[in-house]
Amino acid sequence: MSLKKSISMAGIAIAGFAVSLPGVANASDNRVPVVYVVPMSGQMGTDIHPSIYDKVIEDALKVNPDVIVYQLKSADIDNNFYLAGNDDRREFGMAKIGEYRDLARALHQKLDARQVMWVEDSVGLGSLLALSWPEMYMSDGARLWGLARVSMMAAGWSDPDVASKMLNAWVGMGNGFLQLGGHPLEIGWAMMRPEYALSASFKGRKVTWTNDTAGQWVVDSNDERVANFSASLAEDMGLSEGTVENLDDLMFLLGYREYDEVESGKDMVKKYVEDWRRTFDRCKSWYADAQQKLGWASGDDAIRYLGAAKTDLEKILRACKQYPAVAARWQQDYGMSILQLELQIEGIKDQIGDMRRGNRGSGRRGGNSGRGGGGGRGL
């Protein structure tokens, strides 16, 4: 547990009198609330993956914090560490909406503490997670964009009836996240389908959203693009509870003058991301070596090179089984599933067996099949 964080009280005293803030612990109460920060930073489907958050849930249950803060930073375009200033399609969030839905549900259902979503930046499928919590804050300059990808998933169907059904199915799944967060579905329709407009009307503090331009405040009237929210717009419309600069700022808005931060969740997620990405880089090297050795597998040294290539592929297979994120990226970047890796390894074993039995001229090259079939992005 880190040193106690104290938040400046500048600006909450007026004419020498302390202002009472809702939710602030009583000054006579010596118990300092505990906050547990859960990073959700990087690529949806790999960096942000249920395998690590299952462990985070276990750790958070042991800590029993008063507040859990989900710190989301996942942008498919620029402004994120893993893109290095370029839009690398390999780093775009993966289309695993069912997986993300199960993750959001697990966090809601298994953790009892007050839960807050802090959006540092979200462009792409991460915005579904952002909208899965009713209490949401955003950083200055943060974006809540990119849900056009949901409707794009239904593209490519030649039959218009099938395309329409698929579109409604995908958008329905997307709106499930908004239902979990208690947000009006009109927002989801407009953020996922460009043909839907979005406006809002205000009566006191109550906001009524409609998928037209008849409201007092028109958010989106362009039928060629979806609705997106900046931090300032989201706050003005009541979608975001406020705009914050850092954790101290957020905790102050939540009503806490001071707090203790538990950093074990942050450490776990950071280590996980570093480990799987380092392992994936090793897999790429092993695969290049394996392909080279398969090319050398002829003559008297054929069995030796085939065996060495098989060893490299077995290392990749173990890495894919250890880290689902590695398996997902391997499928996406190399077009090979775990099953295809296993089949390629078995093919090499058969080839070695044939050679050892003296059938060197069999011509079978089951282990030298390259990518093992199929490229493109894995879903």
Protein backbone atom coordinates (compact mmCIF):
# COMPACT_ATOMS: atom_id res chain seq x y z
CA MET A 1 0.00 0.00 0.00
CA SER A 2 1.37 3.39 -0.97
CA LEU A 3 1.81 6.39 1.28
CA LYS A 4 -1.41 8.09 2.21
CA LYS A 5 -2.52 10.54 -0.46
CA SER A 6 -3.84 13.87 0.85
CA ILE A 7 -5.88 16.06 -1.45
CA SER A 8 -5.59 19.82 -1.30
CA MET A 9 -8.61 21.50 0.16
CA ALA A 10 -7.98 24.75 -1.69
CA GLY A 11 -11.17 26.04 -3.17
CA ILE A 12 -13.58 24.26 -0.84
CA ALA A 13 -13.52 26.87 1.88
CA ILE A 14 -15.61 29.98 1.41
CA ALA A 15 -15.21 32.98 3.71
CA GLY A 16 -13.42 30.78 6.23
CA PHE A 17 -16.16 28.16 6.44
CA ALA A 18 -15.61 24.58 5.29
CA VAL A 19 -17.99 23.39 2.61
CA SER A 20 -19.62 20.03 3.20
CA LEU A 21 -19.18 17.74 0.20
CA PRO A 22 -21.50 14.79 -0.40
CA GLY A 23 -19.82 11.48 0.24
CA VAL A 24 -16.86 12.97 2.14
CA ALA A 25 -15.92 11.01 5.22
CA ASN A 26 -16.56 12.70 8.53
CA ALA A 27 -13.49 14.56 9.80
CA SER A 28 -13.76 12.69 13.10
CA ASP A 29 -13.66 9.35 11.30
CA ASN A 30 -10.07 8.11 11.41
CA ARG A 31 -10.64 5.45 8.78
CA VAL A 32 -9.14 6.41 5.42
CA PRO A 33 -10.89 4.92 2.39
CA VAL A 34 -8.91 2.48 0.25
CA VAL A 35 -8.91 2.83 -3.55
CA TYR A 36 -7.90 0.01 -5.89
CA VAL A 37 -6.93 1.13 -9.40
CA VAL A 38 -7.42 -1.33 -12.27
CA PRO A 39 -5.63 -0.28 -15.49
CA MET A 40 -7.30 -1.08 -18.80
CA SER A 41 -4.64 0.18 -21.14
CA GLY A 42 -3.68 -1.01 -24.60
CA GLN A 43 -5.19 -3.31 -27.19
CA MET A 44 -8.65 -4.71 -26.59
CA GLY A 45 -8.42 -8.49 -26.73
CA THR A 46 -4.76 -8.81 -25.70
CA ASP A 47 -3.57 -6.16 -23.23
CA ILE A 48 -7.15 -5.93 -22.00
CA HIS A 49 -8.01 -9.59 -21.58
CA PRO A 50 -10.09 -11.59 -19.06
CA SER A 51 -7.13 -13.81 -18.18
CA ILE A 52 -5.42 -11.03 -16.23
CA TYR A 53 -8.59 -9.50 -14.82
CA ASP A 54 -9.60 -12.83 -13.30
CA LYS A 55 -6.44 -12.54 -11.21
CA VAL A 56 -7.12 -8.88 -10.47
CA ILE A 57 -10.56 -9.82 -9.16
CA GLU A 58 -9.00 -12.37 -6.81
CA ASP A 59 -6.53 -9.78 -5.54
CA ALA A 60 -9.18 -7.09 -5.11
CA LEU A 61 -11.36 -9.45 -3.09
CA LYS A 62 -8.45 -9.95 -0.68
CA VAL A 63 -7.87 -6.20 -0.40
CA ASN A 64 -11.59 -5.38 0.02
CA PRO A 65 -11.25 -1.72 -1.11
CA ASP A 66 -13.86 0.98 -0.67
CA VAL A 67 -13.54 2.22 -4.25
CA ILE A 68 -12.42 0.48 -7.45
CA VAL A 69 -11.32 2.75 -10.29
CA TYR A 70 -11.10 1.34 -13.82
CA GLN A 71 -8.54 3.48 -15.66
CA LEU A 72 -9.28 3.07 -19.37
CA LYS A 73 -6.86 4.11 -22.11
CA SER A 74 -7.42 2.21 -25.34
CA ALA A 75 -7.28 4.11 -28.62
CA ASP A 76 -7.18 2.47 -32.04
CA ILE A 77 -5.83 5.71 -33.49
CA ASP A 78 -2.81 7.63 -32.18
CA ASN A 79 -2.19 8.92 -28.66
CA ASN A 80 -1.32 5.58 -27.13
CA PHE A 81 1.97 3.93 -26.19
CA TYR A 82 1.55 0.79 -28.23
CA LEU A 83 0.93 2.60 -31.52
CA ALA A 84 4.15 4.64 -31.31
CA GLY A 85 2.56 7.54 -33.16
CA ASN A 86 1.31 5.42 -36.07
CA ASP A 87 -1.97 3.74 -36.80
CA ASP A 88 -0.94 0.08 -36.79
CA ARG A 89 -3.94 -2.06 -37.71
CA ARG A 90 -2.38 -5.02 -35.92
CA GLU A 91 -2.93 -3.09 -32.69
CA PHE A 92 -6.60 -2.31 -33.32
CA GLY A 93 -8.99 -3.78 -30.78
CA MET A 94 -10.12 -7.30 -31.62
CA ALA A 95 -13.77 -8.01 -32.38
CA LYS A 96 -14.43 -10.12 -29.29
CA ILE A 97 -17.58 -8.39 -28.03
CA GLY A 98 -18.86 -11.46 -26.19
CA GLU A 99 -15.55 -11.72 -24.34
CA TYR A 100 -15.69 -8.05 -23.33
CA ARG A 101 -19.30 -8.39 -22.21
CA ASP A 102 -18.40 -11.32 -19.95
CA LEU A 103 -15.48 -9.34 -18.54
CA ALA A 104 -17.65 -6.34 -17.69
CA ARG A 105 -20.28 -8.58 -16.08
CA ALA A 106 -17.67 -10.41 -14.01
CA LEU A 107 -16.25 -7.15 -12.66
CA HIS A 108 -19.73 -5.92 -11.77
CA GLN A 109 -20.91 -9.13 -10.19
CA LYS A 110 -17.84 -10.33 -8.32
CA LEU A 111 -16.68 -7.03 -6.80
CA ASP A 112 -18.90 -5.31 -4.25
CA ALA A 113 -17.07 -2.03 -3.82
CA ARG A 114 -18.12 1.27 -5.36
CA GLN A 115 -16.93 1.09 -8.97
CA VAL A 116 -15.95 4.08 -11.09
CA MET A 117 -14.89 4.26 -14.74
CA TRP A 118 -12.16 6.80 -15.54
CA VAL A 119 -11.73 7.28 -19.28
CA GLU A 120 -8.31 8.67 -20.08
CA ASP A 121 -8.95 8.03 -23.77
CA SER A 122 -11.08 5.57 -25.73
CA VAL A 123 -11.33 5.17 -29.49
CA GLY A 124 -12.72 1.83 -30.63
CA LEU A 125 -14.27 -1.10 -28.82
CA GLY A 126 -12.91 0.10 -25.47
CA SER A 127 -15.77 2.60 -25.50
CA LEU A 128 -18.12 -0.32 -24.84
CA LEU A 129 -16.33 -0.89 -21.55
CA ALA A 130 -16.45 2.82 -20.78
CA LEU A 131 -20.23 2.79 -21.08
CA SER A 132 -20.58 -0.30 -18.88
CA TRP A 133 -20.43 1.72 -15.67
CA PRO A 134 -22.96 4.37 -14.58
CA GLU A 135 -20.39 6.43 -12.70
CA MET A 136 -17.99 7.63 -15.39
CA TYR A 137 -15.38 10.40 -15.39
CA MET A 138 -13.13 11.51 -18.23
CA SER A 139 -9.72 13.16 -18.50
CA ASP A 140 -9.42 16.55 -20.12
CA GLY A 141 -8.99 15.90 -23.84
CA ALA A 142 -10.26 12.33 -23.60
CA ARG A 143 -12.36 10.86 -26.39
CA LEU A 144 -15.30 8.49 -26.29
CA TRP A 145 -15.27 7.49 -29.96
CA GLY A 146 -15.06 4.59 -32.32
CA LEU A 147 -18.22 2.53 -31.91
CA ALA A 148 -18.85 2.66 -35.65
CA ARG A 149 -16.70 -0.50 -35.62
CA VAL A 150 -19.62 -2.41 -34.14
CA SER A 151 -21.84 -1.82 -37.15
CA MET A 152 -18.88 -2.33 -39.51
CA MET A 153 -18.62 -5.91 -38.24
CA ALA A 154 -21.86 -6.69 -40.01
CA ALA A 155 -20.55 -5.47 -43.38
CA GLY A 156 -19.71 -7.88 -46.16
CA TRP A 157 -22.96 -9.84 -46.31
CA SER A 158 -24.31 -9.86 -49.87
CA ASP A 159 -27.83 -10.85 -48.82
CA PRO A 160 -29.51 -7.65 -47.53
CA ASP A 161 -31.79 -9.58 -45.16
CA VAL A 162 -28.84 -11.39 -43.59
CA ALA A 163 -26.86 -8.13 -43.41
CA SER A 164 -29.75 -6.40 -41.64
CA LYS A 165 -30.12 -9.22 -39.12
CA MET A 166 -26.39 -9.29 -38.44
CA LEU A 167 -26.31 -5.52 -37.99
CA ASN A 168 -29.16 -5.63 -35.48
CA ALA A 169 -27.49 -8.51 -33.65
CA TRP A 170 -24.14 -6.72 -33.31
CA VAL A 171 -25.73 -3.43 -32.26
CA GLY A 172 -27.92 -5.30 -29.81
CA MET A 173 -24.84 -6.83 -28.23
CA GLY A 174 -23.24 -3.40 -28.09
CA ASN A 175 -26.28 -1.92 -26.39
CA GLY A 176 -25.96 -4.63 -23.76
CA PHE A 177 -22.96 -2.72 -22.40
CA LEU A 178 -25.04 0.46 -22.08
CA GLN A 179 -27.75 -1.49 -20.27
CA LEU A 180 -25.13 -2.73 -17.83
CA GLY A 181 -24.05 0.87 -17.24
CA GLY A 182 -27.60 2.19 -17.00
CA HIS A 183 -27.24 4.49 -20.02
CA PRO A 184 -30.07 5.19 -22.49
CA LEU A 185 -29.98 2.95 -25.53
CA GLU A 186 -30.56 5.95 -27.79
CA ILE A 187 -26.93 6.87 -27.14
CA GLY A 188 -25.82 3.42 -28.25
CA TRP A 189 -27.85 3.51 -31.47
CA ALA A 190 -26.35 6.86 -32.41
CA MET A 191 -22.79 5.85 -31.50
CA MET A 192 -22.97 2.61 -33.48
CA ARG A 193 -25.18 3.42 -36.47
CA PRO A 194 -24.50 6.56 -38.53
CA GLU A 195 -28.07 6.87 -39.82
CA TYR A 196 -29.33 7.57 -36.28
CA ALA A 197 -29.31 11.18 -35.09
CA LEU A 198 -28.97 12.12 -31.42
CA SER A 199 -30.32 15.01 -29.39
CA ALA A 200 -31.21 15.67 -25.78
CA SER A 201 -33.71 17.73 -23.85
CA PHE A 202 -33.31 18.89 -20.27
CA LYS A 203 -35.89 19.23 -17.53
CA GLY A 204 -34.10 20.23 -14.39
CA ARG A 205 -31.36 17.63 -13.96
CA LYS A 206 -33.21 15.00 -15.97
CA VAL A 207 -31.94 14.39 -19.52
CA THR A 208 -34.13 12.81 -22.18
CA TRP A 209 -32.33 11.39 -25.21
CA THR A 210 -33.92 10.85 -28.63
CA ASN A 211 -32.67 9.56 -31.99
CA ASP A 212 -33.72 12.68 -33.87
CA THR A 213 -32.85 16.37 -33.97
CA ALA A 214 -35.93 17.58 -32.09
CA GLY A 215 -34.18 17.94 -28.73
CA GLN A 216 -32.90 21.12 -27.17
CA TRP A 217 -29.29 20.10 -27.75
CA VAL A 218 -28.39 18.31 -30.99
CA VAL A 219 -25.37 16.06 -30.52
CA ASP A 220 -25.32 14.48 -33.99
CA SER A 221 -27.33 15.26 -37.11
CA ASN A 222 -24.99 13.80 -39.73
CA ASP A 223 -26.38 10.59 -41.24
CA GLU A 224 -22.96 9.56 -42.55
CA ARG A 225 -21.11 9.33 -39.26
CA VAL A 226 -21.82 8.13 -35.76
CA ALA A 227 -22.06 10.25 -32.63
CA ASN A 228 -18.85 10.74 -30.67
CA PHE A 229 -18.21 12.45 -27.35
CA SER A 230 -15.36 14.63 -26.16
CA ALA A 231 -14.79 14.96 -22.42
CA SER A 232 -16.38 18.39 -22.35
CA LEU A 233 -19.43 17.34 -24.37
CA ALA A 234 -19.93 14.20 -22.28
CA GLU A 235 -19.85 16.28 -19.10
CA ASP A 236 -22.19 18.94 -20.50
CA MET A 237 -24.68 16.25 -21.49
CA GLY A 238 -24.50 14.46 -18.15
CA LEU A 239 -22.99 11.31 -19.65
CA SER A 240 -19.79 11.94 -17.68
CA GLU A 241 -19.87 12.94 -14.03
CA GLY A 242 -16.91 15.27 -14.44
CA THR A 243 -13.50 15.96 -15.99
CA VAL A 244 -10.37 15.11 -14.00
CA GLU A 245 -6.62 15.52 -14.36
CA ASN A 246 -5.33 12.72 -12.15
CA LEU A 247 -6.32 10.24 -9.45
CA ASP A 248 -6.20 12.89 -6.71
CA ASP A 249 -8.62 15.00 -8.71
CA LEU A 250 -10.91 12.05 -9.30
CA MET A 251 -10.98 11.03 -5.65
CA PHE A 252 -11.75 14.59 -4.64
CA LEU A 253 -14.74 14.66 -6.98
CA LEU A 254 -15.83 11.32 -5.53
CA GLY A 255 -15.92 13.05 -2.15
CA TYR A 256 -12.72 11.90 -0.45
CA ARG A 257 -10.28 14.37 1.07
CA GLU A 258 -7.67 11.64 1.54
CA TYR A 259 -7.27 8.01 0.63
CA ASP A 260 -4.91 5.07 0.53
CA GLU A 261 -4.11 3.60 -2.87
CA VAL A 262 -3.42 -0.11 -3.27
CA GLU A 263 -1.14 -0.58 -6.26
CA SER A 264 -1.05 -4.37 -6.53
CA GLY A 265 -3.61 -4.40 -9.34
CA LYS A 266 -1.62 -1.86 -11.34
CA ASP A 267 1.56 -3.90 -10.85
CA MET A 268 -0.14 -7.14 -11.91
CA VAL A 269 -1.54 -5.68 -15.12
CA LYS A 270 1.72 -3.94 -16.02
CA LYS A 271 3.70 -7.15 -15.57
CA TYR A 272 1.16 -9.15 -17.57
CA VAL A 273 1.32 -6.76 -20.55
CA GLU A 274 5.11 -6.72 -20.51
CA ASP A 275 5.28 -10.52 -20.24
CA TRP A 276 2.88 -11.43 -23.05
CA ARG A 277 4.34 -8.85 -25.44
CA ARG A 278 7.89 -9.99 -24.74
CA THR A 279 6.80 -13.60 -25.24
CA PHE A 280 5.10 -12.72 -28.53
CA ASP A 281 8.31 -11.10 -29.80
CA ARG A 282 10.16 -14.30 -28.93
CA CYS A 283 7.55 -16.31 -30.84
CA LYS A 284 8.18 -14.24 -33.95
CA SER A 285 11.91 -15.02 -33.68
CA TRP A 286 11.25 -18.73 -33.09
CA TYR A 287 8.97 -18.85 -36.11
CA ALA A 288 11.53 -17.18 -38.38
CA ASP A 289 14.14 -19.67 -37.16
CA ALA A 290 11.77 -22.58 -37.73
CA GLN A 291 11.04 -21.53 -41.30
CA GLN A 292 14.77 -21.22 -42.01
CA LYS A 293 15.50 -24.65 -40.55
CA LEU A 294 12.69 -26.24 -42.53
CA GLY A 295 14.25 -24.79 -45.65
CA TRP A 296 17.55 -26.42 -44.76
CA ALA A 297 15.96 -29.81 -44.01
CA SER A 298 17.44 -31.94 -46.76
CA GLY A 299 20.18 -34.52 -47.20
CA ASP A 300 21.97 -36.05 -44.24
CA ASP A 301 21.05 -33.14 -41.92
CA ALA A 302 17.32 -33.22 -42.70
CA ILE A 303 16.26 -34.96 -39.48
CA ARG A 304 18.38 -32.63 -37.35
CA TYR A 305 16.92 -29.48 -38.92
CA LEU A 306 13.37 -30.83 -38.82
CA GLY A 307 13.79 -31.62 -35.14
CA ALA A 308 15.13 -28.14 -34.42
CA ALA A 309 12.22 -26.55 -36.31
CA LYS A 310 9.76 -28.70 -34.38
CA THR A 311 11.31 -27.50 -31.12
CA ASP A 312 10.84 -23.87 -32.17
CA LEU A 313 7.19 -24.48 -33.07
CA GLU A 314 6.60 -26.28 -29.78
CA LYS A 315 7.90 -23.22 -27.94
CA ILE A 316 5.36 -21.09 -29.82
CA LEU A 317 2.59 -23.56 -28.99
CA ARG A 318 3.44 -23.47 -25.27
CA ALA A 319 3.47 -19.66 -25.35
CA CYS A 320 0.04 -19.58 -27.02
CA LYS A 321 -1.38 -21.89 -24.37
CA GLN A 322 0.21 -19.91 -21.54
CA TYR A 323 -0.95 -16.52 -22.83
CA PRO A 324 -4.30 -16.32 -24.64
CA ALA A 325 -3.16 -12.88 -25.81
CA VAL A 326 -0.25 -14.48 -27.67
CA ALA A 327 -2.63 -17.01 -29.24
CA ALA A 328 -4.96 -14.21 -30.34
CA ARG A 329 -2.16 -12.17 -31.91
CA TRP A 330 -0.66 -15.27 -33.51
CA GLN A 331 -4.01 -16.03 -35.13
CA GLN A 332 -4.39 -12.42 -36.23
CA ASP A 333 -0.86 -11.75 -37.52
CA TYR A 334 0.12 -15.20 -38.80
CA GLY A 335 -3.26 -16.78 -39.56
CA MET A 336 -2.51 -19.81 -37.39
CA SER A 337 -4.67 -21.14 -34.60
CA ILE A 338 -3.42 -23.38 -31.81
CA LEU A 339 -4.92 -26.34 -33.67
CA GLN A 340 -3.04 -25.44 -36.85
CA LEU A 341 0.21 -25.18 -34.89
CA GLU A 342 -0.43 -28.60 -33.41
CA LEU A 343 -1.13 -30.06 -36.86
CA GLN A 344 2.07 -28.56 -38.26
CA ILE A 345 4.09 -30.04 -35.40
CA GLU A 346 2.46 -33.45 -35.94
CA GLY A 347 3.29 -33.21 -39.63
CA ILE A 348 6.96 -32.67 -38.84
CA LYS A 349 6.91 -35.61 -36.39
CA ASP A 350 5.47 -37.84 -39.11
CA GLN A 351 8.09 -36.65 -41.56
CA ILE A 352 10.90 -37.40 -39.12
CA GLY A 353 9.37 -40.82 -38.44
CA ASP A 354 9.26 -41.60 -42.14
CA MET A 355 12.91 -40.62 -42.55
CA ARG A 356 14.01 -42.73 -39.60
CA ARG A 357 12.19 -45.69 -41.07
CA GLY A 358 14.12 -45.16 -44.28
CA ASN A 359 11.35 -43.53 -46.32
CA ARG A 360 13.44 -40.49 -47.16
CA GLY A 361 11.95 -40.25 -50.59
CA SER A 362 8.34 -40.09 -49.42
CA GLY A 363 8.18 -36.44 -50.38
CA ARG A 364 5.93 -35.56 -47.42
CA ARG A 365 6.65 -32.05 -46.16
CA GLY A 366 3.89 -31.66 -43.59
CA GLY A 367 6.00 -29.42 -41.39
CA ASN A 368 7.01 -26.99 -44.09
CA SER A 369 3.58 -25.56 -44.78
CA GLY A 370 4.38 -21.97 -43.91
CA ARG A 371 1.59 -20.19 -42.08
CA GLY A 372 -0.64 -23.20 -41.86
CA GLY A 373 -3.49 -21.67 -43.83
CA GLY A 374 -5.50 -18.52 -43.66
CA GLY A 375 -4.45 -15.00 -42.95
CA GLY A 376 -6.28 -11.92 -41.81
CA ARG A 377 -7.58 -10.81 -38.44
CA GLY A 378 -8.71 -13.40 -35.98
CA LEU A 379 -12.06 -12.79 -34.33
